[in-house]
N, C-alpha and C. Protein backbone atom coordinates (compact mmCIF):
# COMPACT_ATOMS: atom_id res chain seq x y z
N MET A 1 2.35 -32.13 -25.83
CA MET A 1 3.63 -32.19 -26.87
C MET A 1 3.76 -31.31 -26.30
N PRO A 2 4.28 -30.96 -26.34
CA PRO A 2 4.75 -29.68 -25.61
C PRO A 2 5.52 -27.99 -26.61
N ARG A 3 4.64 -26.98 -26.04
CA ARG A 3 4.77 -26.55 -26.21
C ARG A 3 5.09 -24.59 -26.00
N ARG A 4 5.86 -23.65 -26.84
CA ARG A 4 6.01 -22.42 -26.05
C ARG A 4 5.15 -21.57 -25.82
N LEU A 5 4.88 -20.71 -24.59
CA LEU A 5 4.03 -20.03 -24.02
C LEU A 5 4.32 -18.51 -24.08
N LEU A 6 4.19 -17.42 -24.84
CA LEU A 6 4.45 -16.82 -24.79
C LEU A 6 3.92 -15.18 -23.75
N ILE A 7 4.19 -14.88 -22.49
CA ILE A 7 2.36 -14.02 -22.18
C ILE A 7 4.08 -12.80 -21.71
N LEU A 8 2.81 -11.97 -22.45
CA LEU A 8 2.89 -10.87 -22.71
C LEU A 8 2.38 -10.01 -21.15
N LEU A 9 2.86 -9.00 -19.82
CA LEU A 9 2.58 -8.68 -18.65
C LEU A 9 2.68 -7.14 -19.72
N CYS A 10 1.50 -6.64 -19.50
CA CYS A 10 1.61 -4.96 -19.50
C CYS A 10 2.15 -4.00 -18.04
N ASP A 11 1.15 -5.59 -16.47
CA ASP A 11 0.29 -4.20 -15.96
C ASP A 11 1.50 -4.14 -15.10
N SER A 12 1.38 -3.16 -13.71
CA SER A 12 3.02 -3.52 -12.36
C SER A 12 2.48 -4.06 -11.59
N PRO A 13 2.81 -4.25 -10.30
CA PRO A 13 2.06 -5.10 -9.34
C PRO A 13 1.36 -4.86 -8.44
N PHE A 14 0.81 -5.95 -7.97
CA PHE A 14 -0.40 -5.28 -6.65
C PHE A 14 -1.20 -4.28 -7.06
N GLN A 15 -1.51 -4.52 -8.83
CA GLN A 15 -1.96 -3.19 -9.34
C GLN A 15 -3.64 -3.97 -9.67
N HIS A 16 -3.44 -5.05 -10.45
CA HIS A 16 -4.78 -5.85 -11.36
C HIS A 16 -3.66 -7.47 -10.25
N GLU A 17 -5.86 -8.16 -10.51
CA GLU A 17 -5.17 -9.27 -10.18
C GLU A 17 -4.47 -10.13 -11.72
N SER A 18 -4.00 -9.55 -13.25
CA SER A 18 -3.58 -9.26 -14.05
C SER A 18 -1.82 -10.44 -13.76
N VAL A 19 -1.35 -9.62 -13.13
CA VAL A 19 -0.20 -10.90 -12.74
C VAL A 19 -0.09 -11.30 -11.67
N GLU A 20 -0.92 -12.42 -11.24
CA GLU A 20 -1.37 -12.92 -9.95
C GLU A 20 -1.55 -14.63 -11.37
N HIS A 21 -2.44 -14.43 -12.49
CA HIS A 21 -3.03 -14.82 -13.46
C HIS A 21 -1.83 -15.43 -14.19
N ALA A 22 -0.74 -14.06 -14.38
CA ALA A 22 0.46 -15.09 -14.73
C ALA A 22 1.01 -15.60 -14.60
N ILE A 23 1.25 -15.33 -13.21
CA ILE A 23 2.46 -16.33 -13.08
C ILE A 23 1.03 -17.24 -12.85
N GLU A 24 0.80 -17.68 -12.60
CA GLU A 24 0.15 -19.17 -12.35
C GLU A 24 -0.19 -20.07 -12.93
N MET A 25 -0.39 -18.88 -14.70
CA MET A 25 -0.29 -19.95 -15.63
C MET A 25 0.72 -20.50 -16.29
N ALA A 26 1.77 -19.49 -15.50
CA ALA A 26 3.66 -19.88 -15.87
C ALA A 26 3.47 -21.54 -15.66
N ARG A 27 3.52 -20.89 -14.29
CA ARG A 27 3.83 -22.85 -13.06
C ARG A 27 2.89 -23.70 -14.14
N ALA A 28 1.98 -23.07 -14.06
CA ALA A 28 0.87 -24.40 -14.38
C ALA A 28 1.45 -24.89 -16.01
N ALA A 29 1.90 -24.49 -16.79
CA ALA A 29 2.17 -24.62 -18.52
C ALA A 29 3.58 -25.16 -17.67
N LEU A 30 4.63 -24.66 -17.08
CA LEU A 30 5.69 -24.88 -16.95
C LEU A 30 6.01 -26.42 -16.25
N ARG A 31 4.48 -26.76 -15.24
CA ARG A 31 4.64 -28.23 -14.55
C ARG A 31 3.74 -29.01 -15.72
N ARG A 32 3.53 -28.78 -17.36
CA ARG A 32 2.73 -29.86 -17.95
C ARG A 32 4.54 -29.91 -18.84
N GLY A 33 5.04 -29.09 -18.98
CA GLY A 33 5.73 -29.54 -19.29
C GLY A 33 6.55 -28.45 -20.79
N HIS A 34 5.58 -27.06 -21.24
CA HIS A 34 5.48 -25.61 -22.05
C HIS A 34 7.00 -25.47 -21.48
N GLU A 35 7.52 -24.82 -22.91
CA GLU A 35 8.83 -23.01 -22.46
C GLU A 35 7.96 -22.26 -22.62
N VAL A 36 7.80 -21.47 -21.67
CA VAL A 36 7.57 -21.02 -21.08
C VAL A 36 7.98 -19.25 -21.40
N ASN A 37 8.59 -18.30 -22.41
CA ASN A 37 8.84 -16.82 -21.54
C ASN A 37 7.75 -15.54 -21.14
N ILE A 38 8.09 -14.55 -20.56
CA ILE A 38 6.85 -14.15 -20.19
C ILE A 38 8.22 -13.07 -20.87
N PHE A 39 7.65 -11.53 -20.69
CA PHE A 39 7.63 -10.41 -21.50
C PHE A 39 7.22 -9.49 -20.21
N LEU A 40 7.71 -8.37 -20.09
CA LEU A 40 7.34 -7.53 -19.73
C LEU A 40 7.24 -6.13 -20.17
N MET A 41 6.51 -5.58 -20.66
CA MET A 41 6.21 -4.37 -21.24
C MET A 41 5.50 -2.90 -20.48
N MET A 42 5.84 -1.97 -21.16
CA MET A 42 5.33 -0.83 -20.25
C MET A 42 5.20 -0.91 -18.84
N ASP A 43 4.07 -0.10 -17.65
CA ASP A 43 4.23 -0.53 -16.33
C ASP A 43 5.24 -2.37 -15.82
N GLY A 44 5.29 -3.79 -16.42
CA GLY A 44 5.17 -4.45 -16.25
C GLY A 44 6.84 -4.41 -15.70
N VAL A 45 7.08 -3.84 -16.09
CA VAL A 45 8.35 -3.88 -15.97
C VAL A 45 9.33 -3.26 -14.39
N TYR A 46 7.98 -3.24 -14.12
CA TYR A 46 7.93 -2.76 -12.34
C TYR A 46 8.11 -4.09 -11.98
N ASN A 47 7.76 -5.34 -12.43
CA ASN A 47 7.39 -6.23 -11.23
C ASN A 47 8.65 -6.83 -11.94
N PRO A 48 9.98 -6.89 -11.33
CA PRO A 48 10.72 -7.86 -10.86
C PRO A 48 12.32 -6.96 -9.83
N CYS A 49 11.25 -6.03 -9.39
CA CYS A 49 12.54 -5.37 -8.78
C CYS A 49 12.48 -5.57 -8.03
N THR A 50 13.53 -5.25 -6.99
CA THR A 50 14.33 -6.22 -6.61
C THR A 50 14.07 -5.26 -5.32
N THR A 51 13.07 -3.87 -5.29
CA THR A 51 12.40 -3.40 -3.62
C THR A 51 11.88 -3.11 -3.27
N GLN A 52 11.20 -3.71 -4.33
CA GLN A 52 9.11 -4.73 -3.52
C GLN A 52 10.03 -5.03 -2.08
N ASN A 53 9.53 -5.13 -1.39
CA ASN A 53 8.78 -6.03 -0.19
C ASN A 53 7.40 -6.20 0.49
N GLY A 54 7.56 -7.48 0.15
CA GLY A 54 6.13 -7.24 0.75
C GLY A 54 6.54 -8.33 1.68
N GLU A 55 7.27 -8.66 2.84
CA GLU A 55 7.27 -8.78 4.47
C GLU A 55 7.04 -8.11 5.30
N PRO A 56 6.57 -6.89 5.66
CA PRO A 56 5.31 -6.32 6.54
C PRO A 56 4.06 -6.68 6.64
N PHE A 57 3.83 -7.64 5.44
CA PHE A 57 2.51 -7.48 4.93
C PHE A 57 2.65 -9.15 4.47
N LYS A 58 3.40 -9.89 6.08
CA LYS A 58 3.80 -11.03 5.74
C LYS A 58 3.61 -12.47 3.90
N MET A 59 3.79 -11.16 2.75
CA MET A 59 3.95 -12.43 1.78
C MET A 59 4.85 -11.98 0.85
N SER A 60 5.14 -12.98 0.32
CA SER A 60 6.56 -12.29 -1.06
C SER A 60 6.06 -12.03 -2.30
N SER A 61 7.98 -11.29 -2.79
CA SER A 61 7.58 -10.32 -3.03
C SER A 61 6.92 -10.77 -4.64
N ILE A 62 6.56 -10.37 -5.34
CA ILE A 62 6.64 -10.09 -7.13
C ILE A 62 7.93 -10.09 -7.77
N SER A 63 8.96 -9.82 -7.37
CA SER A 63 10.18 -10.19 -7.87
C SER A 63 10.01 -10.83 -7.60
N GLU A 64 9.84 -12.05 -6.16
CA GLU A 64 10.59 -13.51 -4.93
C GLU A 64 10.14 -14.52 -6.44
N ARG A 65 8.69 -13.97 -6.62
CA ARG A 65 7.92 -15.10 -7.07
C ARG A 65 8.45 -15.37 -8.20
N LEU A 66 8.79 -14.81 -9.32
CA LEU A 66 9.46 -14.47 -10.43
C LEU A 66 10.81 -14.86 -10.28
N VAL A 67 11.73 -14.79 -9.90
CA VAL A 67 12.87 -15.79 -9.53
C VAL A 67 12.70 -17.46 -9.22
N GLU A 68 11.54 -17.38 -8.56
CA GLU A 68 10.59 -19.05 -8.13
C GLU A 68 10.32 -19.42 -10.12
N LEU A 69 9.97 -18.29 -10.22
CA LEU A 69 9.52 -19.45 -11.79
C LEU A 69 10.96 -19.38 -12.23
N MET A 70 11.87 -18.70 -12.58
CA MET A 70 13.39 -18.76 -13.50
C MET A 70 13.59 -19.71 -12.93
N GLY A 71 13.41 -19.86 -11.54
CA GLY A 71 13.92 -21.13 -11.04
C GLY A 71 13.10 -22.45 -11.54
N GLU A 72 12.27 -22.37 -11.95
CA GLU A 72 10.86 -23.85 -12.20
C GLU A 72 11.14 -24.20 -13.81
N GLY A 73 11.99 -22.81 -14.63
CA GLY A 73 12.40 -22.69 -15.79
C GLY A 73 11.55 -21.35 -16.67
N ALA A 74 11.24 -20.88 -16.37
CA ALA A 74 10.81 -19.69 -17.18
C ALA A 74 11.84 -18.77 -18.00
N ASN A 75 11.86 -18.45 -18.57
CA ASN A 75 12.19 -16.52 -19.36
C ASN A 75 11.81 -15.74 -19.02
N ILE A 76 12.02 -14.95 -18.38
CA ILE A 76 11.66 -13.73 -18.31
C ILE A 76 12.29 -12.21 -19.71
N SER A 77 12.12 -11.52 -20.03
CA SER A 77 12.77 -9.95 -20.40
C SER A 77 11.93 -8.87 -20.35
N ALA A 78 12.54 -8.15 -19.95
CA ALA A 78 11.69 -6.36 -19.68
C ALA A 78 12.27 -5.95 -20.76
N CYS A 79 11.46 -4.93 -21.16
CA CYS A 79 11.75 -4.11 -22.45
C CYS A 79 11.92 -2.72 -22.15
N ARG A 80 13.36 -3.32 -22.68
CA ARG A 80 14.80 -1.92 -22.39
C ARG A 80 14.04 -1.08 -22.87
N VAL A 81 13.28 -0.57 -23.51
CA VAL A 81 12.48 0.94 -23.32
C VAL A 81 11.43 1.64 -22.83
N CYS A 82 11.17 0.67 -22.11
CA CYS A 82 9.63 0.99 -21.46
C CYS A 82 10.86 0.72 -19.77
N MET A 83 11.90 0.60 -19.03
CA MET A 83 12.87 1.02 -18.31
C MET A 83 12.65 2.31 -18.04
N GLU A 84 13.84 2.01 -19.07
CA GLU A 84 13.87 3.55 -19.48
C GLU A 84 13.36 4.86 -18.91
N LEU A 85 12.38 4.60 -19.96
CA LEU A 85 11.42 5.75 -19.71
C LEU A 85 10.99 5.98 -17.79
N ARG A 86 10.74 4.14 -16.80
CA ARG A 86 10.17 4.54 -16.41
C ARG A 86 11.01 4.43 -15.28
N GLY A 87 12.66 4.82 -15.05
CA GLY A 87 13.64 4.92 -13.76
C GLY A 87 14.24 3.89 -14.35
N VAL A 88 13.75 2.96 -14.38
CA VAL A 88 14.00 1.09 -13.97
C VAL A 88 15.93 0.90 -14.24
N LYS A 89 16.61 0.48 -13.52
CA LYS A 89 17.04 0.04 -13.85
C LYS A 89 18.35 -1.07 -14.45
N GLU A 90 18.50 -1.77 -14.63
CA GLU A 90 19.34 -3.24 -15.12
C GLU A 90 19.68 -3.52 -12.78
N ASP A 91 20.41 -3.14 -12.50
CA ASP A 91 20.60 -3.22 -10.77
C ASP A 91 19.70 -3.09 -10.48
N HIS A 92 18.22 -3.11 -10.67
CA HIS A 92 17.36 -3.34 -9.57
C HIS A 92 15.83 -5.02 -9.91
N LEU A 93 16.51 -5.31 -11.04
CA LEU A 93 16.18 -6.60 -11.03
C LEU A 93 17.50 -8.02 -11.39
N PRO A 94 16.70 -8.63 -10.44
CA PRO A 94 17.14 -9.62 -10.11
C PRO A 94 18.23 -10.54 -11.56
N GLU A 95 19.74 -10.95 -10.63
CA GLU A 95 19.92 -11.61 -11.83
C GLU A 95 18.60 -12.48 -12.85
N GLY A 96 19.21 -12.87 -14.04
CA GLY A 96 18.51 -13.98 -15.03
C GLY A 96 16.93 -13.26 -16.06
N VAL A 97 16.77 -11.70 -15.45
CA VAL A 97 15.35 -10.79 -16.11
C VAL A 97 16.72 -11.10 -17.16
N ASP A 98 16.32 -10.66 -18.60
CA ASP A 98 17.24 -10.51 -19.60
C ASP A 98 16.65 -8.98 -20.02
N THR A 99 17.08 -8.46 -20.46
CA THR A 99 16.75 -6.87 -20.86
C THR A 99 16.59 -7.54 -22.53
N GLY A 100 15.12 -6.97 -23.02
CA GLY A 100 15.85 -6.59 -24.71
C GLY A 100 14.71 -5.58 -25.54
N GLY A 101 14.41 -5.87 -26.73
CA GLY A 101 13.21 -5.28 -27.46
C GLY A 101 11.95 -5.73 -28.27
N ILE A 102 11.51 -4.26 -28.74
CA ILE A 102 10.22 -5.20 -29.49
C ILE A 102 10.88 -6.39 -30.99
N PHE A 103 12.17 -6.28 -31.08
CA PHE A 103 12.20 -7.37 -31.88
C PHE A 103 12.33 -8.02 -31.59
N ASP A 104 13.57 -8.53 -29.75
CA ASP A 104 13.01 -9.26 -29.40
C ASP A 104 11.40 -9.98 -28.45
N LEU A 105 10.93 -9.44 -28.99
CA LEU A 105 9.81 -10.04 -28.90
C LEU A 105 8.60 -10.28 -29.93
N SER A 106 9.32 -9.35 -30.83
CA SER A 106 8.31 -10.05 -31.87
C SER A 106 9.02 -11.84 -32.70
N GLU A 107 10.28 -12.39 -32.61
CA GLU A 107 10.64 -13.86 -32.32
C GLU A 107 9.95 -13.80 -32.18
N MET A 108 10.43 -14.07 -30.56
CA MET A 108 8.68 -15.15 -29.58
C MET A 108 7.90 -14.24 -29.54
N VAL A 109 6.86 -13.85 -30.22
CA VAL A 109 5.19 -14.16 -30.83
C VAL A 109 5.04 -14.66 -31.90
N ALA A 110 6.35 -14.36 -33.11
CA ALA A 110 5.59 -16.09 -34.29
C ALA A 110 6.87 -16.75 -33.89
N ASP A 111 7.28 -17.93 -32.74
CA ASP A 111 6.89 -18.84 -32.61
C ASP A 111 6.44 -19.55 -31.27
N SER A 112 5.80 -18.47 -30.59
CA SER A 112 5.00 -19.06 -29.36
C SER A 112 2.98 -18.75 -29.41
N VAL A 113 1.96 -19.31 -28.40
CA VAL A 113 1.31 -18.91 -28.51
C VAL A 113 1.26 -18.13 -27.28
N VAL A 114 0.88 -17.03 -27.89
CA VAL A 114 0.26 -15.13 -26.43
C VAL A 114 -0.81 -15.47 -25.68
N ILE A 115 -0.55 -15.22 -24.82
CA ILE A 115 -1.41 -13.87 -23.99
C ILE A 115 -1.66 -13.05 -23.40
N SER A 116 -1.37 -12.03 -23.81
CA SER A 116 -1.33 -11.18 -22.99
C SER A 116 -2.60 -10.59 -22.46
N LEU A 117 -2.07 -10.26 -21.29
CA LEU A 117 -2.55 -9.07 -19.73
C LEU A 117 -2.11 -7.56 -19.37
N VAL A 118 -3.52 -7.72 -20.09
CA VAL A 118 -2.92 -5.88 -20.09
C VAL A 118 -4.43 -5.75 -19.12
N GLY A 119 -4.31 -4.79 -17.38
CA GLY A 119 -5.41 -5.34 -16.91
C GLY A 119 -6.60 -4.14 -17.68
N ARG A 120 -7.20 -3.77 -16.58
CA ARG A 120 -8.34 -2.49 -16.55
C ARG A 120 -8.35 -1.86 -15.96
N GLY A 121 -7.96 -0.59 -16.47
CA GLY A 121 -8.10 0.90 -15.22
C GLY A 121 -9.08 0.85 -14.63
């Protein structure tokens, strides 16, 4: 029976393995036919920024990997207040990443199995 998974991602890219774990969990859930929502909060709003460049290190950026996830069916939303506080503009995000707030997150939580990924500094 398909379920709705919500991943609350609060870490910035390349800081902790939690971003990698979130991407892999989302991909696995999508392959099993589950609906996946990823809500980016706090420093997590840096993950979809299109200014990332993994090319010098022969790796794809987190932004590119999130776009791939959206292509596989994941829904990705970023906290508008967290973006504003960190200077992340909507035009820094790839097409398809929604912006929302706590009300949107609360609706997602009410309808989902929730996994919170917050790194340990």
